[in-house]
Amino acid sequence: MVKKRIGDPWMPAPRFGRSLPRGIGVNLLVPDVAEMADFCHDVLGAEIVYADEDFAAVTLAGSTFMLHADHTYRDHEMIGVIAENGARGAGVEIRVYGIDPDAAEAGARRSGAVVLSGAIDKPHGLRE
């Protein structure tokens, strides 16, 4: 793993991994951890548990997910999915329930993020 961090993280990776509850884990590969952590905090209301230039642990709606910088995947078997290679993954939809979709969209637009589909009333009765 290629790291830019100097020094030790707030806890060793194996210990952090063992601290996660059973369930589904989400790792997002991002070009800039700080920028994405700010977006998660400012737009989605997430808590940033820890962040450095390689990695961030984020909690939102009772779940913890991780942000990994693209450069940390340079020697990983998934190297083909990082932006440094002209790719940006295969596509995923992640839904966050329990936040105001209109406020999230407005915050995303203010931050300069690309909004693919704005908040709308869905046929099943929810506003997404």
N, C-alpha and C. Protein backbone atom coordinates (compact mmCIF):
# COMPACT_ATOMS: atom_id res chain seq x y z
N MET A 1 0.84 -1.17 0.00
CA MET A 1 0.00 0.00 0.00
C MET A 1 0.88 1.23 0.00
N VAL A 2 0.59 2.18 -0.85
CA VAL A 2 1.33 3.43 -0.94
C VAL A 2 0.68 4.44 0.01
N LYS A 3 1.46 5.00 0.92
CA LYS A 3 0.93 5.95 1.88
C LYS A 3 1.67 7.27 1.79
N LYS A 4 0.95 8.35 2.01
CA LYS A 4 1.56 9.66 2.12
C LYS A 4 1.65 10.09 3.58
N ARG A 5 0.86 9.45 4.43
CA ARG A 5 0.85 9.78 5.85
C ARG A 5 2.24 9.59 6.44
N ILE A 6 2.62 10.52 7.27
CA ILE A 6 3.87 10.39 8.02
C ILE A 6 3.48 10.07 9.45
N GLY A 7 4.02 9.02 9.99
CA GLY A 7 3.66 8.62 11.35
C GLY A 7 2.56 7.58 11.35
N ASP A 8 2.11 7.28 12.53
CA ASP A 8 1.09 6.24 12.70
C ASP A 8 -0.30 6.84 12.62
N PRO A 9 -1.28 6.05 12.15
CA PRO A 9 -2.67 6.52 12.18
C PRO A 9 -3.18 6.51 13.63
N TRP A 10 -4.40 6.95 13.80
CA TRP A 10 -4.95 7.03 15.16
C TRP A 10 -5.10 5.66 15.81
N MET A 11 -5.22 4.60 15.00
CA MET A 11 -5.18 3.24 15.53
C MET A 11 -4.70 2.32 14.42
N PRO A 12 -4.07 1.21 14.76
CA PRO A 12 -3.60 0.28 13.72
C PRO A 12 -4.79 -0.27 12.92
N ALA A 13 -4.59 -0.44 11.62
CA ALA A 13 -5.67 -0.92 10.74
C ALA A 13 -6.30 -2.22 11.21
N PRO A 14 -5.51 -3.22 11.66
CA PRO A 14 -6.15 -4.46 12.12
C PRO A 14 -7.09 -4.24 13.31
N ARG A 15 -6.68 -3.36 14.22
CA ARG A 15 -7.53 -3.07 15.38
C ARG A 15 -8.82 -2.37 14.94
N PHE A 16 -8.69 -1.41 14.03
CA PHE A 16 -9.88 -0.72 13.52
C PHE A 16 -10.81 -1.72 12.83
N GLY A 17 -10.25 -2.58 12.00
CA GLY A 17 -11.06 -3.57 11.31
C GLY A 17 -11.82 -4.47 12.27
N ARG A 18 -11.16 -4.89 13.34
CA ARG A 18 -11.83 -5.74 14.33
C ARG A 18 -12.89 -4.98 15.11
N SER A 19 -12.80 -3.64 15.16
CA SER A 19 -13.77 -2.85 15.92
C SER A 19 -15.08 -2.64 15.16
N LEU A 20 -15.09 -2.91 13.86
CA LEU A 20 -16.29 -2.69 13.07
C LEU A 20 -17.33 -3.76 13.37
N PRO A 21 -18.60 -3.36 13.45
CA PRO A 21 -19.65 -4.34 13.74
C PRO A 21 -19.90 -5.23 12.53
N ARG A 22 -20.59 -6.34 12.77
CA ARG A 22 -21.00 -7.20 11.66
C ARG A 22 -21.92 -6.41 10.75
N GLY A 23 -21.90 -6.69 9.49
CA GLY A 23 -22.75 -5.99 8.54
C GLY A 23 -22.02 -5.75 7.24
N ILE A 24 -22.43 -4.75 6.54
CA ILE A 24 -21.85 -4.42 5.24
C ILE A 24 -20.84 -3.30 5.42
N GLY A 25 -19.67 -3.45 4.81
CA GLY A 25 -18.66 -2.41 4.84
C GLY A 25 -18.58 -1.73 3.49
N VAL A 26 -18.42 -0.44 3.51
CA VAL A 26 -18.29 0.33 2.27
C VAL A 26 -16.95 1.05 2.31
N ASN A 27 -16.14 0.83 1.29
CA ASN A 27 -14.89 1.56 1.09
C ASN A 27 -15.05 2.37 -0.19
N LEU A 28 -14.91 3.66 -0.09
CA LEU A 28 -14.98 4.51 -1.28
C LEU A 28 -13.57 4.93 -1.66
N LEU A 29 -13.20 4.69 -2.91
CA LEU A 29 -11.90 5.12 -3.41
C LEU A 29 -12.09 6.52 -3.99
N VAL A 30 -11.29 7.46 -3.51
CA VAL A 30 -11.48 8.86 -3.88
C VAL A 30 -10.14 9.50 -4.23
N PRO A 31 -10.16 10.47 -5.14
CA PRO A 31 -8.91 11.15 -5.48
C PRO A 31 -8.36 12.00 -4.34
N ASP A 32 -9.25 12.56 -3.49
CA ASP A 32 -8.84 13.48 -2.43
C ASP A 32 -9.67 13.19 -1.18
N VAL A 33 -9.05 12.59 -0.18
CA VAL A 33 -9.75 12.20 1.04
C VAL A 33 -10.31 13.43 1.76
N ALA A 34 -9.52 14.49 1.89
CA ALA A 34 -9.98 15.68 2.63
C ALA A 34 -11.21 16.29 1.97
N GLU A 35 -11.18 16.39 0.66
CA GLU A 35 -12.31 16.96 -0.07
C GLU A 35 -13.57 16.12 0.13
N MET A 36 -13.46 14.81 0.03
CA MET A 36 -14.62 13.95 0.21
C MET A 36 -15.09 13.93 1.66
N ALA A 37 -14.16 13.96 2.61
CA ALA A 37 -14.54 14.01 4.02
C ALA A 37 -15.31 15.30 4.31
N ASP A 38 -14.84 16.42 3.77
CA ASP A 38 -15.56 17.69 3.93
C ASP A 38 -16.96 17.60 3.35
N PHE A 39 -17.09 16.99 2.17
CA PHE A 39 -18.40 16.82 1.54
C PHE A 39 -19.31 15.97 2.43
N CYS A 40 -18.79 14.85 2.92
CA CYS A 40 -19.60 13.98 3.78
C CYS A 40 -20.07 14.72 5.02
N HIS A 41 -19.19 15.52 5.61
CA HIS A 41 -19.53 16.27 6.81
C HIS A 41 -20.48 17.42 6.50
N ASP A 42 -20.10 18.27 5.56
CA ASP A 42 -20.84 19.51 5.30
C ASP A 42 -22.18 19.28 4.61
N VAL A 43 -22.24 18.31 3.70
CA VAL A 43 -23.46 18.09 2.92
C VAL A 43 -24.35 17.02 3.54
N LEU A 44 -23.75 15.93 4.01
CA LEU A 44 -24.54 14.81 4.52
C LEU A 44 -24.68 14.81 6.05
N GLY A 45 -23.89 15.63 6.73
CA GLY A 45 -23.95 15.67 8.18
C GLY A 45 -23.22 14.53 8.86
N ALA A 46 -22.29 13.92 8.17
CA ALA A 46 -21.54 12.79 8.72
C ALA A 46 -20.53 13.26 9.75
N GLU A 47 -20.16 12.35 10.64
CA GLU A 47 -19.10 12.60 11.61
C GLU A 47 -17.81 12.01 11.05
N ILE A 48 -16.76 12.80 11.03
CA ILE A 48 -15.46 12.31 10.59
C ILE A 48 -14.73 11.82 11.84
N VAL A 49 -14.61 10.50 11.96
CA VAL A 49 -13.98 9.89 13.12
C VAL A 49 -12.48 10.11 13.08
N TYR A 50 -11.92 9.96 11.89
CA TYR A 50 -10.48 10.13 11.69
C TYR A 50 -10.26 10.42 10.22
N ALA A 51 -9.28 11.26 9.91
CA ALA A 51 -8.92 11.50 8.51
C ALA A 51 -7.47 11.92 8.41
N ASP A 52 -6.79 11.38 7.41
CA ASP A 52 -5.48 11.86 7.01
C ASP A 52 -5.47 11.84 5.48
N GLU A 53 -4.35 12.06 4.85
CA GLU A 53 -4.37 12.14 3.38
C GLU A 53 -4.50 10.79 2.68
N ASP A 54 -4.42 9.69 3.44
CA ASP A 54 -4.57 8.36 2.87
C ASP A 54 -5.95 7.74 3.12
N PHE A 55 -6.56 8.07 4.26
CA PHE A 55 -7.71 7.32 4.74
C PHE A 55 -8.59 8.17 5.65
N ALA A 56 -9.89 7.90 5.64
CA ALA A 56 -10.80 8.50 6.61
C ALA A 56 -11.83 7.46 7.03
N ALA A 57 -12.21 7.51 8.30
CA ALA A 57 -13.31 6.73 8.83
C ALA A 57 -14.45 7.71 9.09
N VAL A 58 -15.61 7.39 8.55
CA VAL A 58 -16.75 8.29 8.58
C VAL A 58 -17.96 7.55 9.14
N THR A 59 -18.72 8.20 10.03
CA THR A 59 -19.96 7.60 10.49
C THR A 59 -21.13 8.45 10.04
N LEU A 60 -22.18 7.76 9.63
CA LEU A 60 -23.38 8.42 9.14
C LEU A 60 -24.54 7.47 9.34
N ALA A 61 -25.59 7.96 9.97
CA ALA A 61 -26.82 7.19 10.15
C ALA A 61 -26.56 5.83 10.81
N GLY A 62 -25.66 5.82 11.78
CA GLY A 62 -25.39 4.59 12.52
C GLY A 62 -24.45 3.62 11.83
N SER A 63 -23.90 4.00 10.69
CA SER A 63 -22.96 3.13 9.97
C SER A 63 -21.61 3.81 9.82
N THR A 64 -20.59 2.99 9.73
CA THR A 64 -19.24 3.50 9.50
C THR A 64 -18.80 3.07 8.11
N PHE A 65 -18.24 4.00 7.37
CA PHE A 65 -17.65 3.65 6.08
C PHE A 65 -16.30 4.32 5.97
N MET A 66 -15.52 3.87 4.99
CA MET A 66 -14.17 4.34 4.85
C MET A 66 -13.95 5.03 3.51
N LEU A 67 -13.09 6.03 3.53
CA LEU A 67 -12.60 6.69 2.32
C LEU A 67 -11.13 6.33 2.19
N HIS A 68 -10.75 5.83 1.03
CA HIS A 68 -9.35 5.49 0.76
C HIS A 68 -8.89 6.33 -0.43
N ALA A 69 -7.74 6.95 -0.31
CA ALA A 69 -7.17 7.72 -1.41
C ALA A 69 -6.76 6.78 -2.53
N ASP A 70 -6.96 7.23 -3.77
CA ASP A 70 -6.58 6.42 -4.93
C ASP A 70 -5.15 5.89 -4.81
N HIS A 71 -4.22 6.74 -4.34
CA HIS A 71 -2.82 6.31 -4.32
C HIS A 71 -2.60 5.12 -3.40
N THR A 72 -3.49 4.86 -2.45
CA THR A 72 -3.31 3.71 -1.57
C THR A 72 -3.65 2.40 -2.27
N TYR A 73 -4.20 2.48 -3.47
CA TYR A 73 -4.56 1.28 -4.23
C TYR A 73 -3.58 1.02 -5.38
N ARG A 74 -2.46 1.71 -5.43
CA ARG A 74 -1.50 1.54 -6.54
C ARG A 74 -0.96 0.12 -6.63
N ASP A 75 -0.85 -0.58 -5.51
CA ASP A 75 -0.36 -1.96 -5.57
C ASP A 75 -1.44 -2.97 -5.20
N HIS A 76 -2.68 -2.57 -5.31
CA HIS A 76 -3.83 -3.42 -4.99
C HIS A 76 -4.33 -4.09 -6.26
N GLU A 77 -4.96 -5.25 -6.12
CA GLU A 77 -5.48 -5.94 -7.31
C GLU A 77 -6.57 -5.15 -8.03
N MET A 78 -7.13 -4.13 -7.39
CA MET A 78 -8.16 -3.30 -8.03
C MET A 78 -7.57 -2.03 -8.64
N ILE A 79 -6.29 -2.04 -8.95
CA ILE A 79 -5.63 -0.84 -9.46
C ILE A 79 -6.34 -0.24 -10.68
N GLY A 80 -7.01 -1.07 -11.47
CA GLY A 80 -7.68 -0.57 -12.66
C GLY A 80 -8.85 0.35 -12.40
N VAL A 81 -9.32 0.46 -11.15
CA VAL A 81 -10.50 1.28 -10.89
C VAL A 81 -10.17 2.67 -10.37
N ILE A 82 -8.89 3.01 -10.21
CA ILE A 82 -8.57 4.32 -9.67
C ILE A 82 -8.38 5.35 -10.77
N ALA A 83 -8.68 6.58 -10.44
CA ALA A 83 -8.66 7.67 -11.41
C ALA A 83 -7.28 7.87 -12.03
N GLU A 84 -6.23 7.56 -11.30
CA GLU A 84 -4.88 7.74 -11.83
C GLU A 84 -4.67 6.93 -13.10
N ASN A 85 -5.49 5.90 -13.31
CA ASN A 85 -5.39 5.06 -14.50
C ASN A 85 -6.45 5.40 -15.53
N GLY A 86 -7.09 6.56 -15.38
CA GLY A 86 -8.10 6.98 -16.35
C GLY A 86 -9.46 6.36 -16.11
N ALA A 87 -9.65 5.67 -15.00
CA ALA A 87 -10.93 5.04 -14.69
C ALA A 87 -11.51 5.68 -13.43
N ARG A 88 -12.74 5.41 -13.17
CA ARG A 88 -13.34 5.86 -11.92
C ARG A 88 -14.34 4.82 -11.45
N GLY A 89 -13.95 3.59 -11.39
CA GLY A 89 -14.80 2.54 -10.85
C GLY A 89 -15.84 2.05 -11.83
N ALA A 90 -16.60 1.09 -11.38
CA ALA A 90 -17.60 0.45 -12.23
C ALA A 90 -19.00 0.98 -11.99
N GLY A 91 -19.17 1.84 -11.02
CA GLY A 91 -20.47 2.42 -10.73
C GLY A 91 -21.12 1.79 -9.53
N VAL A 92 -21.66 2.61 -8.67
CA VAL A 92 -22.35 2.14 -7.48
C VAL A 92 -23.35 3.22 -7.08
N GLU A 93 -24.46 2.80 -6.54
CA GLU A 93 -25.42 3.75 -5.98
C GLU A 93 -25.45 3.51 -4.49
N ILE A 94 -25.21 4.54 -3.74
CA ILE A 94 -25.26 4.46 -2.29
C ILE A 94 -26.34 5.42 -1.83
N ARG A 95 -27.29 4.91 -1.11
CA ARG A 95 -28.40 5.74 -0.62
C ARG A 95 -28.22 6.01 0.86
N VAL A 96 -28.48 7.24 1.25
CA VAL A 96 -28.42 7.63 2.65
C VAL A 96 -29.83 8.03 3.05
N TYR A 97 -30.39 7.29 3.98
CA TYR A 97 -31.75 7.56 4.44
C TYR A 97 -31.72 8.41 5.70
N GLY A 98 -32.77 9.19 5.89
CA GLY A 98 -32.90 9.95 7.13
C GLY A 98 -32.35 11.36 7.07
N ILE A 99 -31.98 11.84 5.89
CA ILE A 99 -31.57 13.23 5.75
C ILE A 99 -32.49 13.90 4.74
N ASP A 100 -32.60 15.20 4.80
CA ASP A 100 -33.46 15.96 3.91
C ASP A 100 -32.84 15.98 2.52
N PRO A 101 -33.50 15.37 1.51
CA PRO A 101 -32.91 15.31 0.18
C PRO A 101 -32.74 16.69 -0.46
N ASP A 102 -33.65 17.62 -0.17
CA ASP A 102 -33.52 18.96 -0.74
C ASP A 102 -32.31 19.68 -0.16
N ALA A 103 -32.12 19.55 1.16
CA ALA A 103 -30.97 20.17 1.80
C ALA A 103 -29.67 19.55 1.31
N ALA A 104 -29.65 18.22 1.16
CA ALA A 104 -28.45 17.54 0.67
C ALA A 104 -28.13 17.99 -0.75
N GLU A 105 -29.15 18.09 -1.61
CA GLU A 105 -28.90 18.55 -2.98
C GLU A 105 -28.36 19.98 -2.98
N ALA A 106 -28.97 20.86 -2.19
CA ALA A 106 -28.52 22.25 -2.14
C ALA A 106 -27.07 22.33 -1.65
N GLY A 107 -26.75 21.55 -0.62
CA GLY A 107 -25.37 21.54 -0.11
C GLY A 107 -24.39 21.01 -1.14
N ALA A 108 -24.79 19.97 -1.86
CA ALA A 108 -23.92 19.41 -2.89
C ALA A 108 -23.67 20.44 -3.99
N ARG A 109 -24.71 21.12 -4.41
CA ARG A 109 -24.54 22.14 -5.45
C ARG A 109 -23.64 23.28 -4.96
N ARG A 110 -23.85 23.71 -3.70
CA ARG A 110 -22.99 24.78 -3.14
C ARG A 110 -21.54 24.36 -3.11
N SER A 111 -21.29 23.07 -2.87
CA SER A 111 -19.91 22.59 -2.78
C SER A 111 -19.27 22.40 -4.15
N GLY A 112 -20.09 22.54 -5.21
CA GLY A 112 -19.56 22.36 -6.56
C GLY A 112 -19.63 20.94 -7.06
N ALA A 113 -20.29 20.04 -6.32
CA ALA A 113 -20.41 18.65 -6.75
C ALA A 113 -21.35 18.54 -7.95
N VAL A 114 -21.15 17.52 -8.73
CA VAL A 114 -22.05 17.23 -9.85
C VAL A 114 -23.26 16.49 -9.30
N VAL A 115 -24.44 17.02 -9.54
CA VAL A 115 -25.68 16.38 -9.10
C VAL A 115 -26.29 15.72 -10.33
N LEU A 116 -26.31 14.40 -10.33
CA LEU A 116 -26.81 13.67 -11.49
C LEU A 116 -28.32 13.74 -11.60
N SER A 117 -29.00 13.68 -10.48
CA SER A 117 -30.46 13.73 -10.46
C SER A 117 -30.88 14.45 -9.20
N GLY A 118 -31.58 15.53 -9.33
CA GLY A 118 -31.99 16.30 -8.17
C GLY A 118 -33.05 15.58 -7.36
N ALA A 119 -33.36 16.13 -6.20
CA ALA A 119 -34.38 15.57 -5.32
C ALA A 119 -35.73 15.59 -6.02
N ILE A 120 -36.43 14.46 -5.95
CA ILE A 120 -37.74 14.35 -6.61
C ILE A 120 -38.68 13.50 -5.76
N ASP A 121 -39.98 13.65 -6.01
CA ASP A 121 -40.97 12.78 -5.40
C ASP A 121 -41.03 11.51 -6.22
N LYS A 122 -40.84 10.38 -5.56
CA LYS A 122 -40.85 9.09 -6.24
C LYS A 122 -42.27 8.50 -6.23
N PRO A 123 -42.57 7.63 -7.19
CA PRO A 123 -43.91 7.03 -7.26
C PRO A 123 -44.32 6.26 -6.00
N HIS A 124 -43.32 5.75 -5.25
CA HIS A 124 -43.64 5.00 -4.03
C HIS A 124 -43.95 5.90 -2.85
N GLY A 125 -43.92 7.22 -3.07
CA GLY A 125 -44.32 8.17 -2.03
C GLY A 125 -43.20 8.83 -1.26
N LEU A 126 -41.96 8.43 -1.49
CA LEU A 126 -40.83 9.06 -0.79
C LEU A 126 -40.25 10.19 -1.62
N ARG A 127 -39.68 11.15 -0.95
CA ARG A 127 -38.92 12.21 -1.63
C ARG A 127 -37.47 11.78 -1.55
N GLU A 128 -36.84 11.62 -2.69
CA GLU A 128 -35.42 11.18 -2.74
C GLU A 128 -34.62 12.19 -3.51
